């Protein structure tokens, strides 16, 4: 099995761009890649969602699968109830990801919001999905003040669920990092109990596919997608 769950410390921390970067990095290494987004919220049925953005940044070589979509910008279970649409089921989500895993070298699973956001029936979360799959998780975190607490809480929730934290990706690294952001490079690995695997420059989601692929090779450690030892954050920030 080669499944990697991508969660965030909160919403709007750069999860989708980080997922795209992981996909681009793996594709460049010659791996077959799939991305599953169990629940998309806050997007109309005929509007482009997060998976569309990933394909725009990475290209059509990546396979993308979305299982449910709800128009209200809310937690998936709340959005499902408000829309009258069906709730996702944990077993269903796990089964789809396992099928993708059987057909690809790497399957990325992007959550909605933070780790413990309820995705569907019986309040299951992305932590439950990762635990059921026995898959590790990457935490996408903010760069600045407040991220240490959010990252520590997310890492603790992963440990409580029996999920290994593979590391932290800073989802939007500022062009001019302040004191807190610079200090967080030293402190994030300690609070997460896992290394920083990369930092994605702010605004990277606005570039074209070729530039994005070139950047992903520099922004991320190779350890997640090619199984080589991590190179460390100093190479990418």
C-alpha atoms as a PDB file:
ATOM      1  CA  UNK A   1       0.000   0.000   0.000  1.00  0.00           C
ATOM      2  CA  UNK A   2       1.192   3.493  -0.839  1.00  0.00           C
ATOM      3  CA  UNK A   3      -1.484   5.847   0.442  1.00  0.00           C
ATOM      4  CA  UNK A   4      -0.668   9.226   1.940  1.00  0.00           C
ATOM      5  CA  UNK A   5      -3.315  11.285   3.707  1.00  0.00           C
ATOM      6  CA  UNK A   6      -2.980  15.073   3.470  1.00  0.00           C
ATOM      7  CA  UNK A   7      -4.582  16.997   6.294  1.00  0.00           C
ATOM      8  CA  UNK A   8      -4.405  20.595   7.410  1.00  0.00           C
ATOM      9  CA  UNK A   9      -4.177  22.342  10.737  1.00  0.00           C
ATOM     10  CA  UNK A  10      -7.250  24.287   9.602  1.00  0.00           C
ATOM     11  CA  UNK A  11      -8.912  25.508   6.442  1.00  0.00           C
ATOM     12  CA  UNK A  12      -7.044  27.799   4.014  1.00  0.00           C
ATOM     13  CA  UNK A  13      -3.554  26.644   4.951  1.00  0.00           C
ATOM     14  CA  UNK A  14      -2.597  25.473   1.461  1.00  0.00           C
ATOM     15  CA  UNK A  15      -3.752  21.847   1.528  1.00  0.00           C
ATOM     16  CA  UNK A  16      -4.766  21.663  -2.125  1.00  0.00           C
ATOM     17  CA  UNK A  17      -1.581  23.261  -3.439  1.00  0.00           C
ATOM     18  CA  UNK A  18       0.477  21.008  -1.158  1.00  0.00           C
ATOM     19  CA  UNK A  19      -1.392  17.967  -2.452  1.00  0.00           C
ATOM     20  CA  UNK A  20      -0.731  19.102  -6.024  1.00  0.00           C
ATOM     21  CA  UNK A  21       2.962  19.557  -5.222  1.00  0.00           C
ATOM     22  CA  UNK A  22       3.175  16.042  -3.780  1.00  0.00           C
ATOM     23  CA  UNK A  23       1.470  14.692  -6.893  1.00  0.00           C
ATOM     24  CA  UNK A  24       3.782  16.633  -9.224  1.00  0.00           C
ATOM     25  CA  UNK A  25       6.823  15.432  -7.320  1.00  0.00           C
ATOM     26  CA  UNK A  26       5.736  11.803  -7.574  1.00  0.00           C
ATOM     27  CA  UNK A  27       4.830  12.082 -11.265  1.00  0.00           C
ATOM     28  CA  UNK A  28       8.278  13.498 -11.978  1.00  0.00           C
ATOM     29  CA  UNK A  29       9.714  10.371 -10.364  1.00  0.00           C
ATOM     30  CA  UNK A  30       7.755   8.243 -12.827  1.00  0.00           C
ATOM     31  CA  UNK A  31       5.062   7.109 -10.417  1.00  0.00           C
ATOM     32  CA  UNK A  32       1.385   6.580 -11.237  1.00  0.00           C
ATOM     33  CA  UNK A  33      -0.553   8.978  -9.025  1.00  0.00           C
ATOM     34  CA  UNK A  34      -4.189   9.289  -7.942  1.00  0.00           C
ATOM     35  CA  UNK A  35      -5.768  11.950  -5.744  1.00  0.00           C
ATOM     36  CA  UNK A  36      -8.995  11.291  -3.856  1.00  0.00           C
ATOM     37  CA  UNK A  37     -11.038  14.112  -2.322  1.00  0.00           C
ATOM     38  CA  UNK A  38     -13.793  12.365  -0.350  1.00  0.00           C
ATOM     39  CA  UNK A  39     -15.868  15.495   0.219  1.00  0.00           C
ATOM     40  CA  UNK A  40     -15.835  18.848  -1.569  1.00  0.00           C
ATOM     41  CA  UNK A  41     -17.827  21.628   0.050  1.00  0.00           C
ATOM     42  CA  UNK A  42     -18.597  25.231  -0.813  1.00  0.00           C
ATOM     43  CA  UNK A  43     -18.577  24.617  -4.571  1.00  0.00           C
ATOM     44  CA  UNK A  44     -21.554  24.398  -6.918  1.00  0.00           C
ATOM     45  CA  UNK A  45     -22.040  21.234  -8.933  1.00  0.00           C
ATOM     46  CA  UNK A  46     -20.954  22.855 -12.200  1.00  0.00           C
ATOM     47  CA  UNK A  47     -18.026  24.817 -10.730  1.00  0.00           C
ATOM     48  CA  UNK A  48     -14.376  23.731 -10.570  1.00  0.00           C
ATOM     49  CA  UNK A  49     -13.338  22.344  -7.182  1.00  0.00           C
ATOM     50  CA  UNK A  50     -10.058  21.419  -5.533  1.00  0.00           C
ATOM     51  CA  UNK A  51      -9.420  18.471  -7.850  1.00  0.00           C
ATOM     52  CA  UNK A  52      -9.805  20.712 -10.879  1.00  0.00           C
ATOM     53  CA  UNK A  53      -7.140  22.963  -9.375  1.00  0.00           C
ATOM     54  CA  UNK A  54      -4.850  19.978  -8.853  1.00  0.00           C
ATOM     55  CA  UNK A  55      -5.268  18.912 -12.485  1.00  0.00           C
ATOM     56  CA  UNK A  56      -4.585  22.484 -13.615  1.00  0.00           C
ATOM     57  CA  UNK A  57      -1.329  22.541 -11.670  1.00  0.00           C
ATOM     58  CA  UNK A  58      -0.234  18.981 -12.353  1.00  0.00           C
ATOM     59  CA  UNK A  59      -1.812  17.968 -15.648  1.00  0.00           C
ATOM     60  CA  UNK A  60      -4.002  15.109 -16.764  1.00  0.00           C
ATOM     61  CA  UNK A  61      -1.482  12.406 -15.845  1.00  0.00           C
ATOM     62  CA  UNK A  62      -2.929  12.408 -12.325  1.00  0.00           C
ATOM     63  CA  UNK A  63      -6.225  10.586 -11.771  1.00  0.00           C
ATOM     64  CA  UNK A  64      -8.672  12.433  -9.536  1.00  0.00           C
ATOM     65  CA  UNK A  65     -11.737  11.098  -7.737  1.00  0.00           C
ATOM     66  CA  UNK A  66     -14.315  13.123  -5.799  1.00  0.00           C
ATOM     67  CA  UNK A  67     -16.925  11.140  -3.860  1.00  0.00           C
ATOM     68  CA  UNK A  68     -19.382  13.802  -2.700  1.00  0.00           C
ATOM     69  CA  UNK A  69     -20.016  17.492  -3.259  1.00  0.00           C
ATOM     70  CA  UNK A  70     -22.059  19.886  -1.158  1.00  0.00           C
ATOM     71  CA  UNK A  71     -22.679  23.522  -2.139  1.00  0.00           C
ATOM     72  CA  UNK A  72     -22.561  25.134   1.313  1.00  0.00           C
ATOM     73  CA  UNK A  73     -19.105  26.118   2.668  1.00  0.00           C
ATOM     74  CA  UNK A  74     -19.483  24.023   5.820  1.00  0.00           C
ATOM     75  CA  UNK A  75     -18.175  20.821   7.343  1.00  0.00           C
ATOM     76  CA  UNK A  76     -19.192  17.966   5.019  1.00  0.00           C
ATOM     77  CA  UNK A  77     -21.663  16.308   7.388  1.00  0.00           C
ATOM     78  CA  UNK A  78     -23.394  19.631   8.113  1.00  0.00           C
ATOM     79  CA  UNK A  79     -23.370  20.584   4.437  1.00  0.00           C
ATOM     80  CA  UNK A  80     -24.835  17.191   3.514  1.00  0.00           C
ATOM     81  CA  UNK A  81     -27.727  17.564   5.951  1.00  0.00           C
ATOM     82  CA  UNK A  82     -28.497  21.097   4.767  1.00  0.00           C
ATOM     83  CA  UNK A  83     -28.486  20.067   1.118  1.00  0.00           C
ATOM     84  CA  UNK A  84     -30.477  16.889   1.627  1.00  0.00           C
ATOM     85  CA  UNK A  85     -27.727  14.915  -0.078  1.00  0.00           C
ATOM     86  CA  UNK A  86     -26.457  11.620   1.209  1.00  0.00           C
ATOM     87  CA  UNK A  87     -23.776  11.392   3.836  1.00  0.00           C
ATOM     88  CA  UNK A  88     -20.539   9.639   3.011  1.00  0.00           C
ATOM     89  CA  UNK A  89     -19.843   6.303   4.682  1.00  0.00           C
ATOM     90  CA  UNK A  90     -16.423   5.390   6.090  1.00  0.00           C
ATOM     91  CA  UNK A  91     -16.388   1.917   4.547  1.00  0.00           C
ATOM     92  CA  UNK A  92     -17.279   3.363   1.144  1.00  0.00           C
ATOM     93  CA  UNK A  93     -14.450   5.913   1.305  1.00  0.00           C
ATOM     94  CA  UNK A  94     -11.921   3.310   2.393  1.00  0.00           C
ATOM     95  CA  UNK A  95     -13.006   0.892  -0.346  1.00  0.00           C
ATOM     96  CA  UNK A  96     -12.590   3.529  -3.085  1.00  0.00           C
ATOM     97  CA  UNK A  97      -9.128   4.482  -1.846  1.00  0.00           C
ATOM     98  CA  UNK A  98      -8.064   0.842  -1.699  1.00  0.00           C
ATOM     99  CA  UNK A  99      -9.143   0.360  -5.310  1.00  0.00           C
ATOM    100  CA  UNK A 100      -7.148   3.414  -6.345  1.00  0.00           C
ATOM    101  CA  UNK A 101      -4.179   2.135  -4.367  1.00  0.00           C
ATOM    102  CA  UNK A 102      -4.292  -1.162  -6.239  1.00  0.00           C
ATOM    103  CA  UNK A 103      -3.999   0.682  -9.561  1.00  0.00           C
ATOM    104  CA  UNK A 104      -1.475   3.405  -8.701  1.00  0.00           C
ATOM    105  CA  UNK A 105       1.946   3.786  -7.147  1.00  0.00           C
ATOM    106  CA  UNK A 106       0.820   6.632  -4.876  1.00  0.00           C
ATOM    107  CA  UNK A 107      -2.672   7.629  -3.796  1.00  0.00           C
ATOM    108  CA  UNK A 108      -3.056  10.985  -2.056  1.00  0.00           C
ATOM    109  CA  UNK A 109      -6.171  11.600   0.033  1.00  0.00           C
ATOM    110  CA  UNK A 110      -6.983  15.260   0.637  1.00  0.00           C
ATOM    111  CA  UNK A 111      -9.211  16.076   3.578  1.00  0.00           C
ATOM    112  CA  UNK A 112     -11.649  18.927   4.107  1.00  0.00           C
ATOM    113  CA  UNK A 113     -10.557  21.572   6.588  1.00  0.00           C
ATOM    114  CA  UNK A 114      -8.764  20.164   9.618  1.00  0.00           C
ATOM    115  CA  UNK A 115      -8.149  16.578  10.693  1.00  0.00           C
ATOM    116  CA  UNK A 116     -11.199  16.151  12.925  1.00  0.00           C
ATOM    117  CA  UNK A 117     -13.776  17.744  10.637  1.00  0.00           C
ATOM    118  CA  UNK A 118     -16.656  15.271  10.352  1.00  0.00           C
ATOM    119  CA  UNK A 119     -16.871  13.896   6.842  1.00  0.00           C
ATOM    120  CA  UNK A 120     -20.039  11.821   6.964  1.00  0.00           C
ATOM    121  CA  UNK A 121     -22.167   9.219   8.693  1.00  0.00           C
ATOM    122  CA  UNK A 122     -21.517   8.603  12.397  1.00  0.00           C
ATOM    123  CA  UNK A 123     -19.143  11.563  12.466  1.00  0.00           C
ATOM    124  CA  UNK A 124     -16.153   9.811  10.925  1.00  0.00           C
ATOM    125  CA  UNK A 125     -13.112  11.983  10.208  1.00  0.00           C
ATOM    126  CA  UNK A 126     -10.013  11.908   8.046  1.00  0.00           C
ATOM    127  CA  UNK A 127      -8.188  10.441  11.037  1.00  0.00           C
ATOM    128  CA  UNK A 128     -10.591   7.495  10.906  1.00  0.00           C
ATOM    129  CA  UNK A 129      -9.933   7.081   7.181  1.00  0.00           C
ATOM    130  CA  UNK A 130      -6.166   7.057   7.716  1.00  0.00           C
ATOM    131  CA  UNK A 131      -6.454   4.627  10.622  1.00  0.00           C
ATOM    132  CA  UNK A 132      -8.669   2.249   8.652  1.00  0.00           C
ATOM    133  CA  UNK A 133      -6.168   2.263   5.790  1.00  0.00           C
ATOM    134  CA  UNK A 134      -3.091   2.081   7.987  1.00  0.00           C
ATOM    135  CA  UNK A 135      -1.826   5.094   6.032  1.00  0.00           C
ATOM    136  CA  UNK A 136       0.517   7.843   7.275  1.00  0.00           C
ATOM    137  CA  UNK A 137      -0.477  11.493   7.193  1.00  0.00           C
ATOM    138  CA  UNK A 138       1.206  14.734   6.215  1.00  0.00           C
ATOM    139  CA  UNK A 139       0.188  17.861   8.100  1.00  0.00           C
ATOM    140  CA  UNK A 140      -0.068  21.033   6.042  1.00  0.00           C
ATOM    141  CA  UNK A 141       0.531  23.938   8.397  1.00  0.00           C
ATOM    142  CA  UNK A 142       0.636  27.719   8.279  1.00  0.00           C
ATOM    143  CA  UNK A 143       3.983  29.471   8.557  1.00  0.00           C
ATOM    144  CA  UNK A 144       3.417  32.096  11.222  1.00  0.00           C
ATOM    145  CA  UNK A 145       2.192  32.835  14.709  1.00  0.00           C
ATOM    146  CA  UNK A 146      -0.277  30.275  16.083  1.00  0.00           C
ATOM    147  CA  UNK A 147       0.852  27.385  13.923  1.00  0.00           C
ATOM    148  CA  UNK A 148       2.756  25.630  16.699  1.00  0.00           C
ATOM    149  CA  UNK A 149      -0.382  25.086  18.762  1.00  0.00           C
ATOM    150  CA  UNK A 150      -2.467  24.050  15.759  1.00  0.00           C
ATOM    151  CA  UNK A 151       0.212  21.652  14.551  1.00  0.00           C
ATOM    152  CA  UNK A 152       0.746  20.151  18.004  1.00  0.00           C
ATOM    153  CA  UNK A 153      -2.996  19.527  18.372  1.00  0.00           C
ATOM    154  CA  UNK A 154      -3.198  17.910  14.939  1.00  0.00           C
ATOM    155  CA  UNK A 155      -0.175  15.700  15.609  1.00  0.00           C
ATOM    156  CA  UNK A 156      -1.618  14.656  18.970  1.00  0.00           C
ATOM    157  CA  UNK A 157      -4.923  13.735  17.315  1.00  0.00           C
ATOM    158  CA  UNK A 158      -3.066  11.622  14.758  1.00  0.00           C
ATOM    159  CA  UNK A 159      -1.201   9.779  17.504  1.00  0.00           C
ATOM    160  CA  UNK A 160      -4.438   9.220  19.400  1.00  0.00           C
ATOM    161  CA  UNK A 161      -5.918   7.633  16.274  1.00  0.00           C
ATOM    162  CA  UNK A 162      -2.855   5.433  15.795  1.00  0.00           C
ATOM    163  CA  UNK A 163      -1.804   7.265  12.625  1.00  0.00           C
ATOM    164  CA  UNK A 164       1.845   7.956  11.850  1.00  0.00           C
ATOM    165  CA  UNK A 165       2.702  11.568  11.045  1.00  0.00           C
ATOM    166  CA  UNK A 166       5.117  11.481   8.109  1.00  0.00           C
ATOM    167  CA  UNK A 167       5.959  15.138   8.490  1.00  0.00           C
ATOM    168  CA  UNK A 168       4.875  18.733   8.057  1.00  0.00           C
ATOM    169  CA  UNK A 169       4.598  20.801   4.889  1.00  0.00           C
ATOM    170  CA  UNK A 170       4.334  24.568   5.273  1.00  0.00           C
ATOM    171  CA  UNK A 171       1.552  25.392   2.866  1.00  0.00           C
ATOM    172  CA  UNK A 172       2.348  29.045   2.141  1.00  0.00           C
ATOM    173  CA  UNK A 173       5.841  30.298   2.938  1.00  0.00           C
ATOM    174  CA  UNK A 174       6.016  34.112   2.770  1.00  0.00           C
ATOM    175  CA  UNK A 175       8.525  35.931   0.590  1.00  0.00           C
ATOM    176  CA  UNK A 176       9.581  37.937   3.649  1.00  0.00           C
ATOM    177  CA  UNK A 177       9.129  35.638   6.674  1.00  0.00           C
ATOM    178  CA  UNK A 178       8.779  37.359  10.012  1.00  0.00           C
ATOM    179  CA  UNK A 179      10.461  36.333  13.256  1.00  0.00           C
ATOM    180  CA  UNK A 180       7.715  33.860  14.184  1.00  0.00           C
ATOM    181  CA  UNK A 181       7.874  32.093  10.824  1.00  0.00           C
ATOM    182  CA  UNK A 182      11.657  31.816  10.961  1.00  0.00           C
ATOM    183  CA  UNK A 183      11.580  30.443  14.497  1.00  0.00           C
ATOM    184  CA  UNK A 184       8.849  27.986  13.541  1.00  0.00           C
ATOM    185  CA  UNK A 185      11.273  26.219  11.208  1.00  0.00           C
ATOM    186  CA  UNK A 186      13.097  25.066  14.343  1.00  0.00           C
ATOM    187  CA  UNK A 187      10.037  24.513  16.520  1.00  0.00           C
ATOM    188  CA  UNK A 188       7.571  22.768  14.191  1.00  0.00           C
ATOM    189  CA  UNK A 189       9.468  19.452  14.070  1.00  0.00           C
ATOM    190  CA  UNK A 190       9.561  19.392  17.859  1.00  0.00           C
ATOM    191  CA  UNK A 191       5.834  19.995  18.390  1.00  0.00           C
ATOM    192  CA  UNK A 192       4.845  17.670  15.538  1.00  0.00           C
ATOM    193  CA  UNK A 193       7.260  14.908  16.445  1.00  0.00           C
ATOM    194  CA  UNK A 194       8.066  14.710  12.730  1.00  0.00           C
ATOM    195  CA  UNK A 195      10.280  16.575  10.262  1.00  0.00           C
ATOM    196  CA  UNK A 196       9.446  19.498   8.040  1.00  0.00           C
ATOM    197  CA  UNK A 197       9.229  17.960   4.585  1.00  0.00           C
ATOM    198  CA  UNK A 198       9.011  21.165   2.621  1.00  0.00           C
ATOM    199  CA  UNK A 199       7.673  24.667   2.319  1.00  0.00           C
ATOM    200  CA  UNK A 200       5.664  25.941  -0.630  1.00  0.00           C
ATOM    201  CA  UNK A 201       6.192  29.601  -1.516  1.00  0.00           C
ATOM    202  CA  UNK A 202       3.131  31.815  -1.184  1.00  0.00           C
ATOM    203  CA  UNK A 203       1.375  32.302  -4.489  1.00  0.00           C
ATOM    204  CA  UNK A 204       2.584  29.036  -6.017  1.00  0.00           C
ATOM    205  CA  UNK A 205      -0.969  28.010  -6.831  1.00  0.00           C
ATOM    206  CA  UNK A 206      -1.194  30.832  -9.362  1.00  0.00           C
ATOM    207  CA  UNK A 207       1.572  29.615 -11.676  1.00  0.00           C
ATOM    208  CA  UNK A 208       1.300  27.351 -14.706  1.00  0.00           C
ATOM    209  CA  UNK A 209       1.834  23.612 -14.743  1.00  0.00           C
ATOM    210  CA  UNK A 210       5.402  23.650 -16.067  1.00  0.00           C
ATOM    211  CA  UNK A 211       6.575  26.201 -13.513  1.00  0.00           C
ATOM    212  CA  UNK A 212       4.703  24.378 -10.762  1.00  0.00           C
ATOM    213  CA  UNK A 213       6.347  21.041 -11.615  1.00  0.00           C
ATOM    214  CA  UNK A 214       9.772  22.685 -11.618  1.00  0.00           C
ATOM    215  CA  UNK A 215       9.053  24.269  -8.248  1.00  0.00           C
ATOM    216  CA  UNK A 216       7.722  21.089  -6.642  1.00  0.00           C
ATOM    217  CA  UNK A 217      11.084  19.436  -7.242  1.00  0.00           C
ATOM    218  CA  UNK A 218      12.664  22.115  -5.038  1.00  0.00           C
ATOM    219  CA  UNK A 219       9.934  22.723  -2.476  1.00  0.00           C
ATOM    220  CA  UNK A 220       9.522  19.197  -1.151  1.00  0.00           C
ATOM    221  CA  UNK A 221      11.731  16.536   0.316  1.00  0.00           C
ATOM    222  CA  UNK A 222      12.104  13.518  -1.934  1.00  0.00           C
ATOM    223  CA  UNK A 223      11.450  11.055   0.892  1.00  0.00           C
ATOM    224  CA  UNK A 224       7.660  10.912   0.473  1.00  0.00           C
ATOM    225  CA  UNK A 225       7.543  10.191  -3.230  1.00  0.00           C
ATOM    226  CA  UNK A 226      10.792   8.428  -4.051  1.00  0.00           C
ATOM    227  CA  UNK A 227      11.630   6.754  -0.729  1.00  0.00           C
ATOM    228  CA  UNK A 228      15.027   8.456  -0.529  1.00  0.00           C
ATOM    229  CA  UNK A 229      16.128  10.137   2.725  1.00  0.00           C
ATOM    230  CA  UNK A 230      14.674  13.569   3.450  1.00  0.00           C
ATOM    231  CA  UNK A 231      16.779  16.480   2.287  1.00  0.00           C
ATOM    232  CA  UNK A 232      15.601  18.929   4.904  1.00  0.00           C
ATOM    233  CA  UNK A 233      13.755  22.224   4.725  1.00  0.00           C
ATOM    234  CA  UNK A 234      16.915  24.266   4.199  1.00  0.00           C
ATOM    235  CA  UNK A 235      16.916  23.191   0.552  1.00  0.00           C
ATOM    236  CA  UNK A 236      13.486  24.596  -0.168  1.00  0.00           C
ATOM    237  CA  UNK A 237      13.123  27.829   1.792  1.00  0.00           C
END
